[in-house]
Protein backbone atom coordinates (compact mmCIF):
# COMPACT_ATOMS: atom_id res chain seq x y z
CA MET A 1 0.12 -0.11 -0.04
CA SER A 2 1.52 3.29 -0.81
CA ASN A 3 2.05 6.26 1.63
CA LYS A 4 2.14 8.98 -1.25
CA LYS A 5 -0.12 11.73 -0.14
CA ILE A 6 -1.96 12.53 -3.66
CA PRO A 7 -3.73 15.48 -3.77
CA GLU A 8 -7.61 14.76 -3.27
CA LYS A 9 -8.89 17.27 -5.46
CA ILE A 10 -6.41 16.03 -8.10
CA LEU A 11 -8.29 12.85 -8.08
CA GLU A 12 -11.80 14.54 -8.36
CA VAL A 13 -11.07 16.51 -10.94
CA ILE A 14 -9.96 12.92 -12.69
CA ARG A 15 -13.35 11.52 -12.18
CA ASP A 16 -15.47 13.88 -12.63
CA ALA A 17 -14.16 14.73 -15.85
CA GLY A 18 -15.51 13.29 -19.03
CA HIS A 19 -12.80 14.29 -21.14
CA CYS A 20 -9.42 14.93 -20.52
CA VAL A 21 -6.53 16.34 -22.48
CA VAL A 22 -3.07 14.97 -21.86
CA THR A 23 0.15 15.99 -22.47
CA THR A 24 3.56 16.03 -21.64
CA HIS A 25 7.24 17.71 -22.41
CA VAL A 26 8.82 18.66 -25.55
CA GLN A 27 11.54 16.19 -26.87
CA PRO A 28 9.52 13.37 -24.79
CA ASP A 29 12.17 10.69 -22.87
CA GLY A 30 10.86 7.34 -21.91
CA ASP A 31 9.17 8.59 -18.48
CA ALA A 32 7.43 11.14 -20.32
CA LEU A 33 6.34 9.36 -22.70
CA GLY A 34 5.08 6.14 -20.71
CA SER A 35 3.30 8.42 -18.62
CA LEU A 36 1.36 9.84 -21.29
CA LEU A 37 0.33 6.87 -22.71
CA ALA A 38 -0.22 4.78 -19.63
CA MET A 39 -2.40 7.75 -18.15
CA THR A 40 -4.42 7.78 -21.64
CA ASP A 41 -5.22 3.77 -21.19
CA MET A 42 -6.46 4.39 -17.49
CA LEU A 43 -8.82 7.13 -18.87
CA GLU A 44 -10.09 5.59 -21.34
CA GLN A 45 -10.43 2.16 -19.47
CA MET A 46 -12.65 4.81 -17.03
CA GLY A 47 -14.81 5.36 -19.80
CA LYS A 48 -13.60 9.08 -20.79
CA ARG A 49 -12.51 10.65 -24.16
CA VAL A 50 -9.09 11.72 -23.60
CA PHE A 51 -6.88 13.18 -26.41
CA ALA A 52 -3.52 12.54 -26.31
CA TYR A 53 -1.33 15.46 -27.58
CA LEU A 54 2.20 15.93 -28.12
CA ASP A 55 4.44 19.49 -29.67
CA GLU A 56 6.27 16.87 -31.62
CA PRO A 57 6.30 13.68 -33.63
CA ILE A 58 7.34 10.60 -31.25
CA SER A 59 11.25 9.73 -31.55
CA HIS A 60 11.92 6.72 -33.47
CA LEU A 61 13.46 5.33 -30.24
CA TYR A 62 10.03 4.55 -28.80
CA ASN A 63 8.21 4.03 -31.33
CA PHE A 64 7.53 0.09 -29.84
CA LEU A 65 5.41 1.64 -27.30
CA PRO A 66 2.22 0.55 -27.44
CA SER A 67 -0.87 3.40 -29.09
CA SER A 68 2.42 5.51 -29.77
CA ARG A 69 0.50 5.90 -32.94
CA ALA A 70 -2.62 7.68 -31.22
CA LEU A 71 -0.54 10.59 -30.01
CA SER A 72 -1.48 13.60 -31.98
CA THR A 73 0.59 16.29 -33.13
CA ASP A 74 -2.51 18.34 -34.85
CA ILE A 75 -3.36 21.22 -32.32
CA ASP A 76 -6.61 22.05 -34.72
CA GLN A 77 -7.95 18.57 -33.70
CA LEU A 78 -7.32 19.19 -30.19
CA GLN A 79 -8.78 22.95 -30.28
CA THR A 80 -12.43 21.12 -32.06
CA PHE A 81 -12.01 18.50 -29.08
CA VAL A 82 -11.92 21.33 -26.49
CA GLU A 83 -14.67 23.17 -28.48
CA GLU A 84 -16.44 20.07 -28.24
CA ALA A 85 -16.03 18.86 -24.76
CA GLY A 86 -17.55 22.39 -23.31
CA VAL A 87 -16.78 22.58 -19.55
CA ASP A 88 -16.87 18.69 -19.43
CA ILE A 89 -13.24 18.71 -19.08
CA CYS A 90 -9.85 18.66 -17.67
CA ALA A 91 -6.05 19.26 -18.70
CA ILE A 92 -2.99 16.87 -16.83
CA ALA A 93 0.58 17.86 -17.91
CA LEU A 94 3.01 15.35 -17.33
CA ASP A 95 6.78 15.02 -16.59
CA CYS A 96 6.41 19.50 -16.75
CA GLY A 97 8.83 21.28 -14.54
CA GLU A 98 7.51 24.42 -15.97
CA ALA A 99 4.79 25.94 -18.46
CA ASP A 100 7.07 26.32 -21.26
CA ARG A 101 8.04 22.64 -21.13
CA MET A 102 5.07 22.10 -22.98
CA GLY A 103 5.99 23.77 -26.08
CA ARG A 104 4.64 26.47 -29.03
CA ASN A 105 0.80 25.60 -27.91
CA GLN A 106 1.03 26.02 -24.30
CA ASP A 107 -1.79 28.83 -23.94
CA THR A 108 -4.15 26.45 -25.92
CA PHE A 109 -3.74 24.23 -22.96
CA LEU A 110 -3.12 26.10 -19.65
CA ARG A 111 -6.92 28.09 -21.22
CA ILE A 112 -8.26 24.76 -20.14
CA SER A 113 -9.96 24.66 -16.33
CA PRO A 114 -9.37 22.29 -14.05
CA PHE A 115 -5.89 22.05 -15.02
CA VAL A 116 -3.71 19.32 -13.14
CA VAL A 117 -0.31 18.90 -12.81
CA ILE A 118 1.46 15.98 -12.00
CA ASP A 119 5.18 15.76 -12.15
CA HIS A 120 9.04 14.81 -10.04
CA HIS A 121 11.24 17.27 -10.90
CA LEU A 122 13.12 19.22 -8.05
CA SER A 123 13.68 22.68 -9.71
CA HIS A 124 9.82 22.89 -10.26
CA GLN A 125 8.02 25.98 -10.93
CA ASN A 126 4.15 25.92 -10.15
CA PHE A 127 1.56 26.26 -13.14
CA GLY A 128 -1.92 24.52 -13.36
CA ASP A 129 -4.93 24.74 -10.98
CA TYR A 130 -3.97 21.47 -8.98
CA ARG A 131 -0.49 19.93 -8.89
CA TRP A 132 0.93 16.88 -7.40
CA VAL A 133 4.87 17.65 -7.12
CA ASP A 134 6.85 14.92 -5.48
CA SER A 135 10.86 14.89 -6.19
CA GLN A 136 11.19 11.81 -4.29
CA CYS A 137 9.30 9.57 -6.68
CA SER A 138 11.57 8.03 -9.03
CA SER A 139 9.45 9.02 -12.35
CA THR A 140 6.51 10.45 -13.37
CA GLY A 141 5.30 6.87 -14.48
CA GLU A 142 5.79 5.71 -10.56
CA MET A 143 3.54 8.91 -9.90
CA VAL A 144 0.94 8.08 -12.66
CA TYR A 145 0.54 4.21 -11.32
CA GLU A 146 -0.06 5.52 -7.32
CA ILE A 147 -3.26 7.53 -8.82
CA SER A 148 -4.02 4.63 -11.21
CA GLU A 149 -4.09 2.75 -7.54
CA ALA A 150 -5.71 5.67 -5.95
CA LEU A 151 -8.57 5.42 -8.33
CA GLY A 152 -8.96 1.65 -8.24
CA GLN A 153 -7.72 0.86 -11.42
CA THR A 154 -6.05 -1.68 -12.66
CA PRO A 155 -3.27 -0.97 -15.54
CA THR A 156 -3.95 -2.98 -18.87
CA TYR A 157 -1.07 -5.01 -20.14
CA ASP A 158 -0.32 -1.92 -22.34
CA GLY A 159 -0.52 0.17 -19.75
CA ALA A 160 1.42 -1.33 -17.22
CA PHE A 161 4.44 -1.81 -20.29
CA SER A 162 4.02 1.61 -20.76
CA LEU A 163 4.60 2.85 -17.24
CA TYR A 164 7.77 0.44 -16.72
CA VAL A 165 9.03 2.13 -19.89
CA ALA A 166 8.61 4.99 -18.12
CA ILE A 167 10.34 4.03 -14.65
CA CYS A 168 12.89 1.66 -16.22
CA THR A 169 14.40 4.83 -18.49
CA ASP A 170 14.16 7.78 -15.69
CA THR A 171 15.88 5.76 -13.25
CA GLY A 172 18.47 4.52 -15.49
CA SER A 173 17.59 0.76 -15.24
CA PHE A 174 16.98 1.11 -11.46
CA ARG A 175 20.92 2.58 -10.59
CA TYR A 176 20.09 6.41 -10.05
CA GLU A 177 19.84 7.48 -6.35
CA CYS A 178 15.79 8.29 -6.59
CA THR A 179 15.21 4.37 -6.83
CA GLY A 180 13.72 3.20 -3.94
CA SER A 181 11.51 0.04 -2.70
CA ARG A 182 8.76 1.40 -3.82
CA THR A 183 9.44 1.77 -7.08
CA PHE A 184 10.59 -2.23 -7.09
CA GLU A 185 7.47 -2.74 -5.53
CA ILE A 186 5.61 -1.21 -8.57
CA ALA A 187 7.78 -2.71 -11.04
CA GLY A 188 7.53 -5.85 -9.63
CA ARG A 189 3.52 -5.54 -9.89
CA LEU A 190 3.92 -4.14 -13.90
CA VAL A 191 5.59 -7.58 -14.05
CA ASP A 192 2.99 -9.67 -12.44
CA LEU A 193 0.92 -7.71 -15.23
CA GLY A 194 2.42 -9.61 -18.16
CA VAL A 195 5.48 -7.22 -18.49
CA ASN A 196 8.74 -9.34 -20.11
CA PRO A 197 11.86 -7.20 -18.21
CA ASN A 198 14.43 -9.02 -20.40
CA HIS A 199 12.16 -7.77 -23.73
CA LEU A 200 11.38 -4.45 -23.14
CA ALA A 201 15.00 -4.00 -21.83
CA ASN A 202 15.82 -5.24 -25.73
CA LEU A 203 13.48 -2.49 -26.93
CA ILE A 204 15.13 0.13 -24.71
CA TYR A 205 18.61 -0.63 -25.10
CA ASP A 206 19.31 -2.87 -28.23
CA ASN A 207 17.43 -0.68 -30.31
CA TYR A 208 20.09 1.30 -32.16
CA SER A 209 20.66 2.28 -35.87
CA PRO A 210 24.32 2.09 -36.94
CA GLU A 211 23.99 5.63 -37.74
CA ARG A 212 23.59 6.20 -34.10
CA LEU A 213 26.84 4.09 -33.27
CA ASP A 214 28.65 6.20 -36.02
CA LEU A 215 27.70 9.83 -33.80
CA MET A 216 28.62 8.13 -30.66
CA GLN A 217 32.07 7.48 -31.95
CA ARG A 218 32.83 10.99 -33.04
CA VAL A 219 30.98 12.19 -29.93
CA LEU A 220 33.18 10.13 -27.47
CA ALA A 221 35.99 11.43 -29.68
CA THR A 222 35.41 14.88 -27.80
CA LEU A 223 35.46 13.93 -24.41
CA GLU A 224 37.71 16.17 -21.91
CA LEU A 225 38.43 15.34 -18.28
CA SER A 226 39.08 18.22 -15.75
CA GLU A 227 39.31 19.23 -11.94
CA ASN A 228 41.58 16.35 -11.36
CA GLN A 229 39.31 14.22 -13.88
CA GLN A 230 36.23 14.99 -11.55
CA ILE A 231 34.16 16.38 -14.30
CA ALA A 232 34.05 15.03 -17.61
CA CYS A 233 32.53 17.16 -21.18
CA ILE A 234 31.41 15.80 -24.36
CA HIS A 235 29.54 17.42 -27.35
CA VAL A 236 28.08 17.49 -30.63
CA THR A 237 27.72 19.60 -33.29
CA ARG A 238 25.47 19.97 -36.54
CA GLU A 239 28.35 18.88 -38.27
CA MET A 240 28.75 15.39 -36.63
CA PHE A 241 24.87 15.23 -37.20
CA ASP A 242 25.13 15.48 -41.07
CA ARG A 243 28.47 13.56 -41.51
CA SER A 244 26.63 10.34 -39.54
CA GLY A 245 23.40 10.73 -41.10
CA ALA A 246 21.96 10.12 -37.16
CA LEU A 247 19.18 12.30 -35.88
CA ALA A 248 18.71 14.71 -33.08
CA GLN A 249 17.29 11.69 -30.99
CA ASP A 250 19.78 9.86 -31.63
CA ALA A 251 22.09 11.30 -29.40
CA GLU A 252 19.82 10.23 -26.10
CA GLY A 253 21.81 9.07 -23.23
CA PHE A 254 25.29 9.66 -24.70
CA VAL A 255 25.81 11.73 -21.50
CA GLU A 256 25.99 8.62 -19.48
CA TYR A 257 28.91 7.35 -20.88
CA ALA A 258 30.96 10.23 -19.30
CA ARG A 259 29.16 9.61 -15.82
CA SER A 260 30.42 6.47 -16.26
CA ILE A 261 33.89 7.18 -15.81
CA ARG A 262 35.32 6.20 -12.52
CA SER A 263 36.29 9.21 -11.20
CA VAL A 264 34.06 11.65 -12.56
CA LYS A 265 31.61 13.41 -10.28
CA VAL A 266 29.52 15.51 -12.75
CA ALA A 267 29.31 14.77 -16.62
CA VAL A 268 28.06 17.19 -19.09
CA PHE A 269 27.05 17.13 -22.72
CA VAL A 270 26.28 20.17 -25.02
CA LYS A 271 24.44 19.65 -27.62
CA GLU A 272 24.49 22.18 -30.87
CA ASN A 273 21.08 21.82 -32.40
CA ARG A 274 19.06 22.79 -35.63
CA SER A 275 17.30 25.85 -34.00
CA GLU A 276 20.26 27.34 -33.33
CA VAL A 277 19.93 26.69 -29.26
CA ILE A 278 22.90 25.29 -27.75
CA SER A 279 21.03 22.46 -24.55
CA VAL A 280 23.32 20.88 -21.96
CA SER A 281 22.70 17.78 -20.15
CA LEU A 282 23.98 17.38 -16.55
CA ARG A 283 24.25 14.41 -14.61
CA ALA A 284 25.92 13.36 -11.49
CA LYS A 285 26.97 10.89 -9.10
CA GLY A 286 26.21 10.98 -5.07
CA ALA A 287 25.53 13.96 -3.20
CA PHE A 288 26.41 16.92 -6.54
CA ASN A 289 23.39 18.56 -6.99
CA VAL A 290 23.48 19.42 -11.21
CA ALA A 291 19.97 21.12 -10.75
CA SER A 292 21.59 23.96 -8.83
CA ILE A 293 23.75 24.40 -11.85
CA ALA A 294 21.20 24.12 -14.54
CA LYS A 295 19.07 26.83 -12.60
CA LYS A 296 21.80 29.10 -12.73
CA PHE A 297 21.64 29.30 -16.84
CA GLY A 298 17.85 29.08 -16.74
CA GLY A 299 16.95 25.46 -16.34
CA GLY A 300 16.14 22.83 -13.71
CA GLY A 301 15.53 19.16 -13.09
CA HIS A 302 16.52 16.67 -10.58
CA ARG A 303 19.73 16.38 -7.82
CA ASN A 304 21.81 14.25 -10.31
CA ALA A 305 20.38 14.99 -13.81
CA ALA A 306 19.26 18.39 -15.14
CA GLY A 307 19.40 20.55 -18.29
CA CYS A 308 19.26 23.70 -19.50
CA LYS A 309 19.70 25.81 -22.87
CA PHE A 310 21.69 28.53 -24.48
CA PRO A 311 19.99 30.67 -27.14
CA ALA A 312 22.59 31.44 -29.65
CA ASP A 313 25.63 31.16 -28.46
CA SER A 314 28.69 28.71 -29.43
CA ILE A 315 29.45 25.50 -27.80
CA GLU A 316 32.78 26.54 -26.47
CA SER A 317 31.40 29.58 -24.63
CA VAL A 318 28.48 27.36 -23.05
CA ARG A 319 31.15 24.38 -22.19
CA GLU A 320 33.16 26.97 -20.56
CA LYS A 321 30.55 28.89 -18.83
CA VAL A 322 29.55 25.80 -17.47
CA ILE A 323 32.13 24.05 -16.92
CA SER A 324 33.50 26.32 -14.86
CA SER A 325 30.44 27.12 -12.68
CA ILE A 326 31.05 23.34 -11.76
CA LYS A 327 34.47 23.82 -10.47
CA ASP A 328 33.25 26.70 -8.44
CA ALA A 329 30.73 24.48 -6.54
CA LEU A 330 33.33 21.42 -6.42
CA ARG A 331 35.58 23.52 -4.88
CA ALA A 332 33.40 25.34 -2.26
CA PRO A 333 33.37 24.50 1.71
CA SER A 334 30.48 23.94 1.62
CA PRO A 335 28.64 23.52 -2.08
CA GLU A 336 25.03 24.59 -2.60
CA ASN A 337 24.44 21.04 -4.16
């Protein structure tokens, strides 16, 4: 039995709404997509009409997820759905630390009321009418499971599959500090519902293209260690994507290779995007809080996993700024981590 305190008002909103719009953040990862699909599945099992919206098409890395083709990127269809629902509607944002993370059409969602937010980011910035934010949860997928249990709903096989993907990916295959006994308990229940961990791990981790490995080779060649090998930094450029033939999503997870070095406390992955924006992924071991580093640059995330963006900047400049901030934190007698 869970000891999580889910706001009763959120459960009430979900019970009462006949129509639900569900969304997640831009560039959705496994937790975002798995949570979105599992929530959609649960709501449909409750007899509700559901519109599951993504700001962009699903990454090819996750097209194995059940019902992923049902996710829509059509804003006109969404607006029609909202108009037809009238007042019998609610919106649910999953795994979004701030409203801007919903993407270009966030205003369409924010006009829907009641608006529910379910998130586990330490750096969460409050938005929406009703919020359940719990940074102690391993993943938003874990929170969606808790909601389904509180509502007396047993996940279908597809829902369980999606939840396992959400939890597995956001815990680094149950390796990260956020993984607790409740995480394993929920994972066990999902296995009892038919999920095959070996099959699912193959779909997640043995699903790469030759182009991704070509890109990985180029990225790992950029590895730089500093601060007595406590900081590892890698980067990717648009030229690397062009030469390898890889897609932007193929770079997902590369930061973990930098993090895996024995001496490293903080890993940095600087990415040059098509949109002229430089994005940074941060990973940490132990007590170091990369969310505090990301926050200095307008980003956020979790203690051990965070990120930020730099518009109209260069890889060299961004790398210098971020690494300098990390060095200051590592050198501080009592760093705010």
